[in-house]
Amino acid sequence: MPLDQLIWHSFQQNYHADHSNAAIHCAPVRYSPLTFRLCEYMWDNFPSYQVNDDLRDVWFDRKQYEEDRGR
């Protein structure tokens, strides 16, 4: 599997887990540090993915709140 697809699937798993956790707690979505790092790597190294809404959601949520380092 190509590296971009491997990282993309890892990002998608974390993205949806973050959304699921927020729904369970009836809270706004707060992305995990791992989701942010995967997003940043994808954004910087595979720009063709920048058109994806999921990636853009995380990218533009960066630095909007303090990251929970315990996650």
PDB file of N, CA and C in Angstrom:
ATOM      1  N   MET A   1       0.847  -1.176   0.000  1.00  0.00           N
ATOM      2  CA  MET A   1       0.000   0.000   0.000  1.00  0.00           C
ATOM      3  C   MET A   1       0.891   1.237   0.000  1.00  0.00           C
ATOM      4  N   PRO A   2       0.631   2.213  -0.851  1.00  0.00           N
ATOM      5  CA  PRO A   2       1.436   3.437  -0.884  1.00  0.00           C
ATOM      6  C   PRO A   2       1.323   4.217   0.432  1.00  0.00           C
ATOM      7  N   LEU A   3       2.383   4.919   0.757  1.00  0.00           N
ATOM      8  CA  LEU A   3       2.450   5.654   2.021  1.00  0.00           C
ATOM      9  C   LEU A   3       1.287   6.630   2.181  1.00  0.00           C
ATOM     10  N   ASP A   4       0.934   7.358   1.130  1.00  0.00           N
ATOM     11  CA  ASP A   4      -0.146   8.333   1.267  1.00  0.00           C
ATOM     12  C   ASP A   4      -1.459   7.646   1.644  1.00  0.00           C
ATOM     13  N   GLN A   5      -1.729   6.474   1.089  1.00  0.00           N
ATOM     14  CA  GLN A   5      -2.967   5.764   1.422  1.00  0.00           C
ATOM     15  C   GLN A   5      -2.940   5.222   2.850  1.00  0.00           C
ATOM     16  N   LEU A   6      -1.799   4.748   3.274  1.00  0.00           N
ATOM     17  CA  LEU A   6      -1.655   4.246   4.643  1.00  0.00           C
ATOM     18  C   LEU A   6      -1.913   5.364   5.650  1.00  0.00           C
ATOM     19  N   ILE A   7      -1.293   6.507   5.442  1.00  0.00           N
ATOM     20  CA  ILE A   7      -1.483   7.630   6.357  1.00  0.00           C
ATOM     21  C   ILE A   7      -2.910   8.155   6.262  1.00  0.00           C
ATOM     22  N   TRP A   8      -3.471   8.172   5.058  1.00  0.00           N
ATOM     23  CA  TRP A   8      -4.840   8.630   4.872  1.00  0.00           C
ATOM     24  C   TRP A   8      -5.817   7.766   5.674  1.00  0.00           C
ATOM     25  N   HIS A   9      -5.658   6.448   5.600  1.00  0.00           N
ATOM     26  CA  HIS A   9      -6.554   5.565   6.342  1.00  0.00           C
ATOM     27  C   HIS A   9      -6.374   5.734   7.855  1.00  0.00           C
ATOM     28  N   SER A  10      -5.160   5.958   8.293  1.00  0.00           N
ATOM     29  CA  SER A  10      -4.913   6.219   9.717  1.00  0.00           C
ATOM     30  C   SER A  10      -5.588   7.521  10.136  1.00  0.00           C
ATOM     31  N   PHE A  11      -5.462   8.542   9.299  1.00  0.00           N
ATOM     32  CA  PHE A  11      -6.122   9.822   9.585  1.00  0.00           C
ATOM     33  C   PHE A  11      -7.635   9.630   9.669  1.00  0.00           C
ATOM     34  N   GLN A  12      -8.216   8.934   8.695  1.00  0.00           N
ATOM     35  CA  GLN A  12      -9.658   8.722   8.671  1.00  0.00           C
ATOM     36  C   GLN A  12     -10.141   7.976   9.918  1.00  0.00           C
ATOM     37  N   GLN A  13      -9.399   6.973  10.351  1.00  0.00           N
ATOM     38  CA  GLN A  13      -9.784   6.230  11.547  1.00  0.00           C
ATOM     39  C   GLN A  13      -9.824   7.160  12.757  1.00  0.00           C
ATOM     40  N   ASN A  14      -8.795   7.984  12.909  1.00  0.00           N
ATOM     41  CA  ASN A  14      -8.741   8.897  14.050  1.00  0.00           C
ATOM     42  C   ASN A  14      -9.791   9.998  13.949  1.00  0.00           C
ATOM     43  N   TYR A  15      -9.993  10.522  12.756  1.00  0.00           N
ATOM     44  CA  TYR A  15     -10.990  11.568  12.527  1.00  0.00           C
ATOM     45  C   TYR A  15     -12.376  11.072  12.953  1.00  0.00           C
ATOM     46  N   HIS A  16     -12.741   9.892  12.496  1.00  0.00           N
ATOM     47  CA  HIS A  16     -14.066   9.364  12.822  1.00  0.00           C
ATOM     48  C   HIS A  16     -14.169   8.947  14.293  1.00  0.00           C
ATOM     49  N   ALA A  17     -13.093   8.476  14.879  1.00  0.00           N
ATOM     50  CA  ALA A  17     -13.100   8.157  16.311  1.00  0.00           C
ATOM     51  C   ALA A  17     -13.310   9.428  17.136  1.00  0.00           C
ATOM     52  N   ASP A  18     -12.675  10.522  16.751  1.00  0.00           N
ATOM     53  CA  ASP A  18     -12.861  11.795  17.456  1.00  0.00           C
ATOM     54  C   ASP A  18     -14.309  12.268  17.352  1.00  0.00           C
ATOM     55  N   HIS A  19     -14.905  12.127  16.169  1.00  0.00           N
ATOM     56  CA  HIS A  19     -16.307  12.507  15.998  1.00  0.00           C
ATOM     57  C   HIS A  19     -17.229  11.599  16.817  1.00  0.00           C
ATOM     58  N   SER A  20     -16.921  10.322  16.835  1.00  0.00           N
ATOM     59  CA  SER A  20     -17.715   9.373  17.611  1.00  0.00           C
ATOM     60  C   SER A  20     -17.640   9.680  19.103  1.00  0.00           C
ATOM     61  N   ASN A  21     -16.448   9.939  19.599  1.00  0.00           N
ATOM     62  CA  ASN A  21     -16.280  10.266  21.019  1.00  0.00           C
ATOM     63  C   ASN A  21     -17.062  11.521  21.384  1.00  0.00           C
ATOM     64  N   ALA A  22     -17.035  12.516  20.520  1.00  0.00           N
ATOM     65  CA  ALA A  22     -17.774  13.753  20.785  1.00  0.00           C
ATOM     66  C   ALA A  22     -19.277  13.470  20.823  1.00  0.00           C
ATOM     67  N   ALA A  23     -19.760  12.646  19.911  1.00  0.00           N
ATOM     68  CA  ALA A  23     -21.187  12.319  19.873  1.00  0.00           C
ATOM     69  C   ALA A  23     -21.619  11.565  21.135  1.00  0.00           C
ATOM     70  N   ILE A  24     -20.785  10.645  21.594  1.00  0.00           N
ATOM     71  CA  ILE A  24     -21.104   9.876  22.801  1.00  0.00           C
ATOM     72  C   ILE A  24     -21.248  10.801  23.999  1.00  0.00           C
ATOM     73  N   HIS A  25     -20.425  11.834  24.063  1.00  0.00           N
ATOM     74  CA  HIS A  25     -20.434  12.765  25.194  1.00  0.00           C
ATOM     75  C   HIS A  25     -21.282  14.001  24.938  1.00  0.00           C
ATOM     76  N   CYS A  26     -21.970  14.046  23.792  1.00  0.00           N
ATOM     77  CA  CYS A  26     -22.796  15.213  23.424  1.00  0.00           C
ATOM     78  C   CYS A  26     -21.985  16.500  23.550  1.00  0.00           C
ATOM     79  N   ALA A  27     -20.787  16.458  22.999  1.00  0.00           N
ATOM     80  CA  ALA A  27     -19.856  17.586  23.105  1.00  0.00           C
ATOM     81  C   ALA A  27     -19.341  17.953  21.716  1.00  0.00           C
ATOM     82  N   PRO A  28     -18.806  19.162  21.596  1.00  0.00           N
ATOM     83  CA  PRO A  28     -18.196  19.525  20.311  1.00  0.00           C
ATOM     84  C   PRO A  28     -16.977  18.643  20.023  1.00  0.00           C
ATOM     85  N   VAL A  29     -16.689  18.468  18.768  1.00  0.00           N
ATOM     86  CA  VAL A  29     -15.527  17.663  18.373  1.00  0.00           C
ATOM     87  C   VAL A  29     -14.253  18.399  18.739  1.00  0.00           C
ATOM     88  N   ARG A  30     -13.366  17.685  19.407  1.00  0.00           N
ATOM     89  CA  ARG A  30     -12.021  18.173  19.687  1.00  0.00           C
ATOM     90  C   ARG A  30     -11.078  17.080  19.199  1.00  0.00           C
ATOM     91  N   TYR A  31     -10.296  17.416  18.216  1.00  0.00           N
ATOM     92  CA  TYR A  31      -9.424  16.412  17.609  1.00  0.00           C
ATOM     93  C   TYR A  31      -8.253  16.087  18.513  1.00  0.00           C
ATOM     94  N   SER A  32      -7.829  14.839  18.449  1.00  0.00           N
ATOM     95  CA  SER A  32      -6.697  14.389  19.256  1.00  0.00           C
ATOM     96  C   SER A  32      -5.392  14.897  18.652  1.00  0.00           C
ATOM     97  N   PRO A  33      -4.342  14.954  19.459  1.00  0.00           N
ATOM     98  CA  PRO A  33      -3.038  15.346  18.921  1.00  0.00           C
ATOM     99  C   PRO A  33      -2.601  14.461  17.750  1.00  0.00           C
ATOM    100  N   LEU A  34      -2.908  13.169  17.813  1.00  0.00           N
ATOM    101  CA  LEU A  34      -2.536  12.275  16.717  1.00  0.00           C
ATOM    102  C   LEU A  34      -3.285  12.647  15.435  1.00  0.00           C
ATOM    103  N   THR A  35      -4.556  12.988  15.548  1.00  0.00           N
ATOM    104  CA  THR A  35      -5.324  13.405  14.374  1.00  0.00           C
ATOM    105  C   THR A  35      -4.704  14.658  13.768  1.00  0.00           C
ATOM    106  N   PHE A  36      -4.325  15.608  14.615  1.00  0.00           N
ATOM    107  CA  PHE A  36      -3.680  16.828  14.122  1.00  0.00           C
ATOM    108  C   PHE A  36      -2.360  16.519  13.414  1.00  0.00           C
ATOM    109  N   ARG A  37      -1.524  15.654  14.009  1.00  0.00           N
ATOM    110  CA  ARG A  37      -0.230  15.347  13.396  1.00  0.00           C
ATOM    111  C   ARG A  37      -0.402  14.640  12.057  1.00  0.00           C
ATOM    112  N   LEU A  38      -1.330  13.700  11.983  1.00  0.00           N
ATOM    113  CA  LEU A  38      -1.581  13.017  10.711  1.00  0.00           C
ATOM    114  C   LEU A  38      -2.079  14.002   9.664  1.00  0.00           C
ATOM    115  N   CYS A  39      -2.958  14.891  10.066  1.00  0.00           N
ATOM    116  CA  CYS A  39      -3.462  15.915   9.148  1.00  0.00           C
ATOM    117  C   CYS A  39      -2.322  16.786   8.643  1.00  0.00           C
ATOM    118  N   GLU A  40      -1.487  17.265   9.543  1.00  0.00           N
ATOM    119  CA  GLU A  40      -0.378  18.139   9.148  1.00  0.00           C
ATOM    120  C   GLU A  40       0.577  17.427   8.199  1.00  0.00           C
ATOM    121  N   TYR A  41       0.828  16.149   8.465  1.00  0.00           N
ATOM    122  CA  TYR A  41       1.721  15.398   7.581  1.00  0.00           C
ATOM    123  C   TYR A  41       1.105  15.261   6.189  1.00  0.00           C
ATOM    124  N   MET A  42      -0.173  14.911   6.157  1.00  0.00           N
ATOM    125  CA  MET A  42      -0.862  14.791   4.867  1.00  0.00           C
ATOM    126  C   MET A  42      -0.859  16.133   4.134  1.00  0.00           C
ATOM    127  N   TRP A  43      -1.173  17.191   4.847  1.00  0.00           N
ATOM    128  CA  TRP A  43      -1.271  18.528   4.243  1.00  0.00           C
ATOM    129  C   TRP A  43       0.065  18.951   3.636  1.00  0.00           C
ATOM    130  N   ASP A  44       1.132  18.706   4.367  1.00  0.00           N
ATOM    131  CA  ASP A  44       2.459  19.148   3.925  1.00  0.00           C
ATOM    132  C   ASP A  44       3.075  18.254   2.850  1.00  0.00           C
ATOM    133  N   ASN A  45       2.754  16.978   2.869  1.00  0.00           N
ATOM    134  CA  ASN A  45       3.445  16.035   1.982  1.00  0.00           C
ATOM    135  C   ASN A  45       2.611  15.501   0.823  1.00  0.00           C
ATOM    136  N   PHE A  46       1.311  15.618   0.929  1.00  0.00           N
ATOM    137  CA  PHE A  46       0.424  15.109  -0.128  1.00  0.00           C
ATOM    138  C   PHE A  46      -0.650  16.160  -0.419  1.00  0.00           C
ATOM    139  N   PRO A  47      -0.283  17.269  -1.046  1.00  0.00           N
ATOM    140  CA  PRO A  47      -1.219  18.382  -1.235  1.00  0.00           C
ATOM    141  C   PRO A  47      -2.470  18.028  -2.030  1.00  0.00           C
ATOM    142  N   SER A  48      -2.448  16.947  -2.783  1.00  0.00           N
ATOM    143  CA  SER A  48      -3.654  16.579  -3.537  1.00  0.00           C
ATOM    144  C   SER A  48      -4.820  16.237  -2.602  1.00  0.00           C
ATOM    145  N   TYR A  49      -4.526  15.921  -1.345  1.00  0.00           N
ATOM    146  CA  TYR A  49      -5.578  15.599  -0.380  1.00  0.00           C
ATOM    147  C   TYR A  49      -6.201  16.853   0.238  1.00  0.00           C
ATOM    148  N   GLN A  50      -5.633  18.020  -0.018  1.00  0.00           N
ATOM    149  CA  GLN A  50      -6.113  19.245   0.612  1.00  0.00           C
ATOM    150  C   GLN A  50      -7.536  19.609   0.200  1.00  0.00           C
ATOM    151  N   VAL A  51      -8.051  19.002  -0.837  1.00  0.00           N
ATOM    152  CA  VAL A  51      -9.426  19.270  -1.258  1.00  0.00           C
ATOM    153  C   VAL A  51     -10.445  18.472  -0.437  1.00  0.00           C
ATOM    154  N   ASN A  52      -9.986  17.523   0.375  1.00  0.00           N
ATOM    155  CA  ASN A  52     -10.885  16.689   1.154  1.00  0.00           C
ATOM    156  C   ASN A  52     -11.456  17.472   2.340  1.00  0.00           C
ATOM    157  N   ASP A  53     -12.767  17.423   2.517  1.00  0.00           N
ATOM    158  CA  ASP A  53     -13.416  18.176   3.586  1.00  0.00           C
ATOM    159  C   ASP A  53     -12.970  17.745   4.978  1.00  0.00           C
ATOM    160  N   ASP A  54     -12.764  16.441   5.197  1.00  0.00           N
ATOM    161  CA  ASP A  54     -12.330  15.968   6.514  1.00  0.00           C
ATOM    162  C   ASP A  54     -10.968  16.554   6.865  1.00  0.00           C
ATOM    163  N   LEU A  55     -10.049  16.500   5.928  1.00  0.00           N
ATOM    164  CA  LEU A  55      -8.708  17.032   6.168  1.00  0.00           C
ATOM    165  C   LEU A  55      -8.768  18.544   6.405  1.00  0.00           C
ATOM    166  N   ARG A  56      -9.572  19.225   5.630  1.00  0.00           N
ATOM    167  CA  ARG A  56      -9.707  20.677   5.783  1.00  0.00           C
ATOM    168  C   ARG A  56     -10.322  21.040   7.135  1.00  0.00           C
ATOM    169  N   ASP A  57     -11.308  20.264   7.597  1.00  0.00           N
ATOM    170  CA  ASP A  57     -11.915  20.516   8.911  1.00  0.00           C
ATOM    171  C   ASP A  57     -10.858  20.498  10.009  1.00  0.00           C
ATOM    172  N   VAL A  58     -10.014  19.483   9.977  1.00  0.00           N
ATOM    173  CA  VAL A  58      -8.980  19.359  11.009  1.00  0.00           C
ATOM    174  C   VAL A  58      -7.927  20.451  10.838  1.00  0.00           C
ATOM    175  N   TRP A  59      -7.515  20.706   9.612  1.00  0.00           N
ATOM    176  CA  TRP A  59      -6.481  21.710   9.346  1.00  0.00           C
ATOM    177  C   TRP A  59      -6.897  23.072   9.895  1.00  0.00           C
ATOM    178  N   PHE A  60      -8.134  23.460   9.654  1.00  0.00           N
ATOM    179  CA  PHE A  60      -8.585  24.786  10.082  1.00  0.00           C
ATOM    180  C   PHE A  60      -9.003  24.820  11.548  1.00  0.00           C
ATOM    181  N   ASP A  61      -9.025  23.668  12.210  1.00  0.00           N
ATOM    182  CA  ASP A  61      -9.306  23.618  13.643  1.00  0.00           C
ATOM    183  C   ASP A  61      -8.028  23.697  14.478  1.00  0.00           C
ATOM    184  N   ARG A  62      -6.885  23.602  13.804  1.00  0.00           N
ATOM    185  CA  ARG A  62      -5.605  23.657  14.530  1.00  0.00           C
ATOM    186  C   ARG A  62      -5.501  24.964  15.309  1.00  0.00           C
ATOM    187  N   LYS A  63      -4.951  24.868  16.508  1.00  0.00           N
ATOM    188  CA  LYS A  63      -4.653  26.005  17.376  1.00  0.00           C
ATOM    189  C   LYS A  63      -5.899  26.785  17.781  1.00  0.00           C
ATOM    190  N   GLN A  64      -7.083  26.164  17.654  1.00  0.00           N
ATOM    191  CA  GLN A  64      -8.311  26.815  18.093  1.00  0.00           C
ATOM    192  C   GLN A  64      -8.603  26.502  19.564  1.00  0.00           C
ATOM    193  N   TYR A  65      -7.917  25.484  20.087  1.00  0.00           N
ATOM    194  CA  TYR A  65      -8.060  25.107  21.496  1.00  0.00           C
ATOM    195  C   TYR A  65      -6.798  24.360  21.896  1.00  0.00           C
ATOM    196  N   GLU A  66      -6.575  24.286  23.195  1.00  0.00           N
ATOM    197  CA  GLU A  66      -5.394  23.582  23.690  1.00  0.00           C
ATOM    198  C   GLU A  66      -5.553  22.086  23.460  1.00  0.00           C
ATOM    199  N   GLU A  67      -4.521  21.468  22.935  1.00  0.00           N
ATOM    200  CA  GLU A  67      -4.553  20.028  22.694  1.00  0.00           C
ATOM    201  C   GLU A  67      -4.516  19.274  24.003  1.00  0.00           C
ATOM    202  N   ASP A  68      -5.257  18.180  24.057  1.00  0.00           N
ATOM    203  CA  ASP A  68      -5.270  17.299  25.220  1.00  0.00           C
ATOM    204  C   ASP A  68      -4.150  16.274  25.025  1.00  0.00           C
ATOM    205  N   ARG A  69      -2.995  16.529  25.605  1.00  0.00           N
ATOM    206  CA  ARG A  69      -1.834  15.662  25.441  1.00  0.00           C
ATOM    207  C   ARG A  69      -2.002  14.286  26.065  1.00  0.00           C
ATOM    208  N   GLY A  70      -3.040  14.115  26.901  1.00  0.00           N
ATOM    209  CA  GLY A  70      -3.262  12.829  27.536  1.00  0.00           C
ATOM    210  C   GLY A  70      -4.056  11.858  26.688  1.00  0.00           C
ATOM    211  N   ARG A  71      -4.441  12.292  25.497  1.00  0.00           N
ATOM    212  CA  ARG A  71      -5.248  11.433  24.622  1.00  0.00           C
ATOM    213  C   ARG A  71      -4.372  10.547  23.783  1.00  0.00           C
TER     214      ARG A  71
END
